[in-house]
Amino acid sequence: MKELKDYSGPYVPDLKYEDLSKEVLIKLLRAFSRECNVLPAYWAEEMRKRLGREVERECLLSTWKRIGKYETGWAMEAANIKGNDVETYVKVTQLMGSFAQGYYKYDFDLKSQNHAILTVHYCPAFNALEKQDLEHLDWVCKVLEHEAMKEYVKPVNPAIQVNRLRAGRRSSPDQPHCRWEFKLE
């Protein structure tokens, strides 16, 4: 089959991802990433409505901590990433569905193989929460993200330290949404 630049033509009964062009696959990956991020937000909203904020937070924290080892491992396996240093974790993070390039805007300053600074300049959840609920924004950024990241690094190396350098509400719109340090001593 000829590589499809889109799927606007007739139905293909045995269609496979391999039949799609690189451009279509990239668009699908970004769409899947949005789903990966929006679904838990909708789920959490429903939990909060039915069972309250405390249960919502317990479930969010448990879920994101639980998925971390799998998402890290799946990305490592898919891209054949090997290693156990901070640079390895940075490479894996670049490929994670829940932190997709283009959906988030971020950069890593890789200072050495065992030290990196992540700066997130744009986070869709941050933007929404900054307008709606600053107290919950602080919890998501300072507690949920920090605890989840500690789980995400474990498949690479459980000794990688995750330090929050800046998170939560901003004092100025010029500040990045968050900044994190990853270090292995």
C-alpha atoms as a PDB file:
ATOM      1  CA  MET A   1       0.000   0.000   0.000  1.00  0.00           C
ATOM      2  CA  LYS A   2       1.147   3.518  -0.769  1.00  0.00           C
ATOM      3  CA  GLU A   3       1.900   5.642   2.306  1.00  0.00           C
ATOM      4  CA  LEU A   4      -1.175   7.670   3.218  1.00  0.00           C
ATOM      5  CA  LYS A   5      -0.736  11.431   3.640  1.00  0.00           C
ATOM      6  CA  ASP A   6      -4.202  11.484   5.238  1.00  0.00           C
ATOM      7  CA  TYR A   7      -7.160   9.124   5.608  1.00  0.00           C
ATOM      8  CA  SER A   8      -9.715  11.107   3.647  1.00  0.00           C
ATOM      9  CA  GLY A   9     -10.120   8.385   1.009  1.00  0.00           C
ATOM     10  CA  PRO A  10     -12.045   5.123   1.219  1.00  0.00           C
ATOM     11  CA  TYR A  11     -12.122   2.815   4.220  1.00  0.00           C
ATOM     12  CA  VAL A  12      -9.092   0.498   4.420  1.00  0.00           C
ATOM     13  CA  PRO A  13     -10.114  -2.692   6.296  1.00  0.00           C
ATOM     14  CA  ASP A  14      -6.576  -3.732   7.245  1.00  0.00           C
ATOM     15  CA  LEU A  15      -5.121  -0.266   7.910  1.00  0.00           C
ATOM     16  CA  LYS A  16      -2.002  -0.218  10.099  1.00  0.00           C
ATOM     17  CA  TYR A  17      -0.040   2.677  11.578  1.00  0.00           C
ATOM     18  CA  GLU A  18       2.776   1.681   9.250  1.00  0.00           C
ATOM     19  CA  ASP A  19       0.554   2.678   6.300  1.00  0.00           C
ATOM     20  CA  LEU A  20       0.454   6.306   7.405  1.00  0.00           C
ATOM     21  CA  SER A  21       2.974   9.004   6.577  1.00  0.00           C
ATOM     22  CA  LYS A  22       5.342  10.358   9.185  1.00  0.00           C
ATOM     23  CA  GLU A  23       3.360  13.621   9.213  1.00  0.00           C
ATOM     24  CA  VAL A  24       0.079  11.837   9.998  1.00  0.00           C
ATOM     25  CA  LEU A  25       1.751   9.755  12.713  1.00  0.00           C
ATOM     26  CA  ILE A  26       3.123  12.919  14.347  1.00  0.00           C
ATOM     27  CA  LYS A  27      -0.348  14.505  14.302  1.00  0.00           C
ATOM     28  CA  LEU A  28      -1.825  11.336  15.820  1.00  0.00           C
ATOM     29  CA  LEU A  29       0.866  11.251  18.512  1.00  0.00           C
ATOM     30  CA  ARG A  30       0.031  14.833  19.478  1.00  0.00           C
ATOM     31  CA  ALA A  31      -3.684  13.998  19.513  1.00  0.00           C
ATOM     32  CA  PHE A  32      -2.999  10.963  21.737  1.00  0.00           C
ATOM     33  CA  SER A  33      -0.931  13.165  24.033  1.00  0.00           C
ATOM     34  CA  ARG A  34      -3.811  15.602  24.423  1.00  0.00           C
ATOM     35  CA  GLU A  35      -6.084  12.688  25.277  1.00  0.00           C
ATOM     36  CA  CYS A  36      -3.511  11.380  27.766  1.00  0.00           C
ATOM     37  CA  ASN A  37      -3.610  14.761  29.528  1.00  0.00           C
ATOM     38  CA  VAL A  38      -7.262  15.770  29.210  1.00  0.00           C
ATOM     39  CA  LEU A  39      -8.809  12.435  30.211  1.00  0.00           C
ATOM     40  CA  PRO A  40      -7.406  12.459  33.774  1.00  0.00           C
ATOM     41  CA  ALA A  41      -8.469  16.099  34.183  1.00  0.00           C
ATOM     42  CA  TYR A  42     -12.054  15.236  33.244  1.00  0.00           C
ATOM     43  CA  TRP A  43     -11.940  12.151  35.447  1.00  0.00           C
ATOM     44  CA  ALA A  44     -10.626  14.204  38.385  1.00  0.00           C
ATOM     45  CA  GLU A  45     -13.362  16.788  37.921  1.00  0.00           C
ATOM     46  CA  GLU A  46     -16.008  14.066  38.123  1.00  0.00           C
ATOM     47  CA  MET A  47     -14.327  12.567  41.221  1.00  0.00           C
ATOM     48  CA  ARG A  48     -14.306  15.987  42.886  1.00  0.00           C
ATOM     49  CA  LYS A  49     -18.011  16.561  42.104  1.00  0.00           C
ATOM     50  CA  ARG A  50     -19.024  13.192  43.522  1.00  0.00           C
ATOM     51  CA  LEU A  51     -16.571  12.586  46.352  1.00  0.00           C
ATOM     52  CA  GLY A  52     -14.853  15.889  47.119  1.00  0.00           C
ATOM     53  CA  ARG A  53     -11.469  17.487  46.655  1.00  0.00           C
ATOM     54  CA  GLU A  54      -9.604  15.239  49.106  1.00  0.00           C
ATOM     55  CA  VAL A  55     -10.601  12.027  47.289  1.00  0.00           C
ATOM     56  CA  GLU A  56      -9.861  13.647  43.929  1.00  0.00           C
ATOM     57  CA  ARG A  57      -6.341  14.489  45.063  1.00  0.00           C
ATOM     58  CA  GLU A  58      -5.711  11.057  46.588  1.00  0.00           C
ATOM     59  CA  CYS A  59      -6.791   9.375  43.352  1.00  0.00           C
ATOM     60  CA  LEU A  60      -4.840  11.736  41.097  1.00  0.00           C
ATOM     61  CA  LEU A  61      -1.678  11.288  43.128  1.00  0.00           C
ATOM     62  CA  SER A  62      -2.031   7.522  43.210  1.00  0.00           C
ATOM     63  CA  THR A  63      -2.760   7.292  39.487  1.00  0.00           C
ATOM     64  CA  TRP A  64       0.109   9.495  38.273  1.00  0.00           C
ATOM     65  CA  LYS A  65       2.588   7.839  40.631  1.00  0.00           C
ATOM     66  CA  ARG A  66       1.441   4.424  39.434  1.00  0.00           C
ATOM     67  CA  ILE A  67       1.678   5.126  35.693  1.00  0.00           C
ATOM     68  CA  GLY A  68       5.158   6.693  35.927  1.00  0.00           C
ATOM     69  CA  LYS A  69       7.160   3.482  35.834  1.00  0.00           C
ATOM     70  CA  TYR A  70       5.137   2.196  32.884  1.00  0.00           C
ATOM     71  CA  GLU A  71       5.287   5.341  30.779  1.00  0.00           C
ATOM     72  CA  THR A  72       9.039   5.656  31.366  1.00  0.00           C
ATOM     73  CA  GLY A  73       9.576   1.987  30.564  1.00  0.00           C
ATOM     74  CA  TRP A  74       7.418   2.065  27.426  1.00  0.00           C
ATOM     75  CA  ALA A  75       9.311   5.055  26.034  1.00  0.00           C
ATOM     76  CA  MET A  76      12.670   3.436  26.818  1.00  0.00           C
ATOM     77  CA  GLU A  77      11.634   0.219  25.118  1.00  0.00           C
ATOM     78  CA  ALA A  78      10.108   1.905  22.062  1.00  0.00           C
ATOM     79  CA  ALA A  79      13.213   4.012  21.378  1.00  0.00           C
ATOM     80  CA  ASN A  80      15.770   1.453  22.657  1.00  0.00           C
ATOM     81  CA  ILE A  81      17.055   3.899  25.261  1.00  0.00           C
ATOM     82  CA  LYS A  82      19.588   2.380  27.635  1.00  0.00           C
ATOM     83  CA  GLY A  83      21.373   3.902  30.605  1.00  0.00           C
ATOM     84  CA  ASN A  84      20.859   4.930  34.199  1.00  0.00           C
ATOM     85  CA  ASP A  85      21.936   8.561  34.394  1.00  0.00           C
ATOM     86  CA  VAL A  86      20.110  11.888  34.204  1.00  0.00           C
ATOM     87  CA  GLU A  87      20.867  12.249  30.499  1.00  0.00           C
ATOM     88  CA  THR A  88      19.006   8.966  29.922  1.00  0.00           C
ATOM     89  CA  TYR A  89      16.011  10.304  31.832  1.00  0.00           C
ATOM     90  CA  VAL A  90      16.067  13.522  29.784  1.00  0.00           C
ATOM     91  CA  LYS A  91      16.021  11.491  26.560  1.00  0.00           C
ATOM     92  CA  VAL A  92      13.114   9.382  27.795  1.00  0.00           C
ATOM     93  CA  THR A  93      11.142  12.445  28.889  1.00  0.00           C
ATOM     94  CA  GLN A  94      11.427  13.929  25.395  1.00  0.00           C
ATOM     95  CA  LEU A  95       9.433  10.943  24.104  1.00  0.00           C
ATOM     96  CA  MET A  96       6.714  10.545  26.745  1.00  0.00           C
ATOM     97  CA  GLY A  97       3.129  10.738  25.593  1.00  0.00           C
ATOM     98  CA  SER A  98       1.991  12.645  28.662  1.00  0.00           C
ATOM     99  CA  PHE A  99       4.657  15.316  28.112  1.00  0.00           C
ATOM    100  CA  ALA A 100       4.595  15.611  24.337  1.00  0.00           C
ATOM    101  CA  GLN A 101       6.577  18.189  22.467  1.00  0.00           C
ATOM    102  CA  GLY A 102       4.310  20.749  20.898  1.00  0.00           C
ATOM    103  CA  TYR A 103       1.576  20.221  23.489  1.00  0.00           C
ATOM    104  CA  TYR A 104       3.931  21.429  26.213  1.00  0.00           C
ATOM    105  CA  LYS A 105       6.716  23.908  25.575  1.00  0.00           C
ATOM    106  CA  TYR A 106       9.813  23.099  27.570  1.00  0.00           C
ATOM    107  CA  ASP A 107      13.548  22.750  27.397  1.00  0.00           C
ATOM    108  CA  PHE A 108      16.235  20.882  29.246  1.00  0.00           C
ATOM    109  CA  ASP A 109      19.564  22.404  30.186  1.00  0.00           C
ATOM    110  CA  LEU A 110      21.748  19.302  30.355  1.00  0.00           C
ATOM    111  CA  LYS A 111      24.616  20.496  32.518  1.00  0.00           C
ATOM    112  CA  SER A 112      26.299  17.069  32.667  1.00  0.00           C
ATOM    113  CA  GLN A 113      25.381  13.415  32.298  1.00  0.00           C
ATOM    114  CA  ASN A 114      24.100  13.521  35.865  1.00  0.00           C
ATOM    115  CA  HIS A 115      22.586  16.993  36.159  1.00  0.00           C
ATOM    116  CA  ALA A 116      19.812  18.720  34.219  1.00  0.00           C
ATOM    117  CA  ILE A 117      17.361  21.576  34.661  1.00  0.00           C
ATOM    118  CA  LEU A 118      13.913  21.313  33.088  1.00  0.00           C
ATOM    119  CA  THR A 119      12.080  24.573  32.408  1.00  0.00           C
ATOM    120  CA  VAL A 120       8.430  24.380  31.381  1.00  0.00           C
ATOM    121  CA  HIS A 121       7.416  27.554  29.571  1.00  0.00           C
ATOM    122  CA  TYR A 122       3.905  26.436  28.661  1.00  0.00           C
ATOM    123  CA  CYS A 123       1.682  23.858  30.350  1.00  0.00           C
ATOM    124  CA  PRO A 124      -2.002  23.640  29.322  1.00  0.00           C
ATOM    125  CA  ALA A 125      -3.098  22.535  32.814  1.00  0.00           C
ATOM    126  CA  PHE A 126      -1.206  25.428  34.404  1.00  0.00           C
ATOM    127  CA  ASN A 127      -2.927  27.913  32.103  1.00  0.00           C
ATOM    128  CA  ALA A 128      -6.381  26.542  32.937  1.00  0.00           C
ATOM    129  CA  LEU A 129      -5.780  26.362  36.701  1.00  0.00           C
ATOM    130  CA  GLU A 130      -4.145  29.796  36.841  1.00  0.00           C
ATOM    131  CA  LYS A 131      -7.460  31.248  35.644  1.00  0.00           C
ATOM    132  CA  GLN A 132      -9.745  29.034  37.756  1.00  0.00           C
ATOM    133  CA  ASP A 133      -8.223  27.770  40.994  1.00  0.00           C
ATOM    134  CA  LEU A 134      -4.881  29.034  42.329  1.00  0.00           C
ATOM    135  CA  GLU A 135      -4.996  26.852  45.451  1.00  0.00           C
ATOM    136  CA  HIS A 136      -5.406  23.703  43.345  1.00  0.00           C
ATOM    137  CA  LEU A 137      -2.718  24.963  40.948  1.00  0.00           C
ATOM    138  CA  ASP A 138      -0.284  25.105  43.857  1.00  0.00           C
ATOM    139  CA  TRP A 139      -1.168  21.547  44.910  1.00  0.00           C
ATOM    140  CA  VAL A 140      -0.887  20.155  41.360  1.00  0.00           C
ATOM    141  CA  CYS A 141       2.426  21.871  40.693  1.00  0.00           C
ATOM    142  CA  LYS A 142       4.073  21.470  44.082  1.00  0.00           C
ATOM    143  CA  VAL A 143       2.735  18.122  45.293  1.00  0.00           C
ATOM    144  CA  LEU A 144       1.322  16.068  42.414  1.00  0.00           C
ATOM    145  CA  GLU A 145       4.037  16.883  39.881  1.00  0.00           C
ATOM    146  CA  HIS A 146       6.860  16.459  42.368  1.00  0.00           C
ATOM    147  CA  GLU A 147       5.631  13.114  43.705  1.00  0.00           C
ATOM    148  CA  ALA A 148       4.874  11.813  40.201  1.00  0.00           C
ATOM    149  CA  MET A 149       8.287  12.844  38.838  1.00  0.00           C
ATOM    150  CA  LYS A 150       9.996  10.940  41.628  1.00  0.00           C
ATOM    151  CA  GLU A 151       8.238   7.812  40.345  1.00  0.00           C
ATOM    152  CA  TYR A 152       8.969   8.569  36.683  1.00  0.00           C
ATOM    153  CA  VAL A 153      12.744   8.638  37.288  1.00  0.00           C
ATOM    154  CA  LYS A 154      12.828   5.280  39.118  1.00  0.00           C
ATOM    155  CA  PRO A 155      12.945   2.990  36.049  1.00  0.00           C
ATOM    156  CA  VAL A 156      16.031   4.899  34.879  1.00  0.00           C
ATOM    157  CA  ASN A 157      17.632   5.157  38.304  1.00  0.00           C
ATOM    158  CA  PRO A 158      15.877   5.386  41.691  1.00  0.00           C
ATOM    159  CA  ALA A 159      18.802   7.456  43.008  1.00  0.00           C
ATOM    160  CA  ILE A 160      18.022  10.400  40.689  1.00  0.00           C
ATOM    161  CA  GLN A 161      16.961  13.312  42.882  1.00  0.00           C
ATOM    162  CA  VAL A 162      14.096  15.533  41.737  1.00  0.00           C
ATOM    163  CA  ASN A 163      14.196  19.054  43.131  1.00  0.00           C
ATOM    164  CA  ARG A 164      11.510  21.664  42.630  1.00  0.00           C
ATOM    165  CA  LEU A 165      13.122  24.976  41.736  1.00  0.00           C
ATOM    166  CA  ARG A 166       9.938  26.871  40.803  1.00  0.00           C
ATOM    167  CA  ALA A 167       6.341  25.702  40.807  1.00  0.00           C
ATOM    168  CA  GLY A 168       2.866  26.926  41.623  1.00  0.00           C
ATOM    169  CA  ARG A 169       1.428  30.372  41.182  1.00  0.00           C
ATOM    170  CA  ARG A 170       3.616  32.977  39.559  1.00  0.00           C
ATOM    171  CA  SER A 171       4.500  36.418  40.805  1.00  0.00           C
ATOM    172  CA  SER A 172       4.875  37.610  37.215  1.00  0.00           C
ATOM    173  CA  PRO A 173       3.640  36.427  33.809  1.00  0.00           C
ATOM    174  CA  ASP A 174       7.286  36.355  32.691  1.00  0.00           C
ATOM    175  CA  GLN A 175       8.088  33.463  35.022  1.00  0.00           C
ATOM    176  CA  PRO A 176       8.111  29.973  33.537  1.00  0.00           C
ATOM    177  CA  HIS A 177       5.302  27.678  34.600  1.00  0.00           C
ATOM    178  CA  CYS A 178       7.783  25.539  36.499  1.00  0.00           C
ATOM    179  CA  ARG A 179      11.435  24.569  36.788  1.00  0.00           C
ATOM    180  CA  TRP A 180      12.876  21.283  38.073  1.00  0.00           C
ATOM    181  CA  GLU A 181      16.346  19.937  38.753  1.00  0.00           C
ATOM    182  CA  PHE A 182      17.352  16.317  38.193  1.00  0.00           C
ATOM    183  CA  LYS A 183      20.580  15.252  39.830  1.00  0.00           C
ATOM    184  CA  LEU A 184      22.498  12.050  40.416  1.00  0.00           C
ATOM    185  CA  GLU A 185      25.402  12.154  42.864  1.00  0.00           C
END
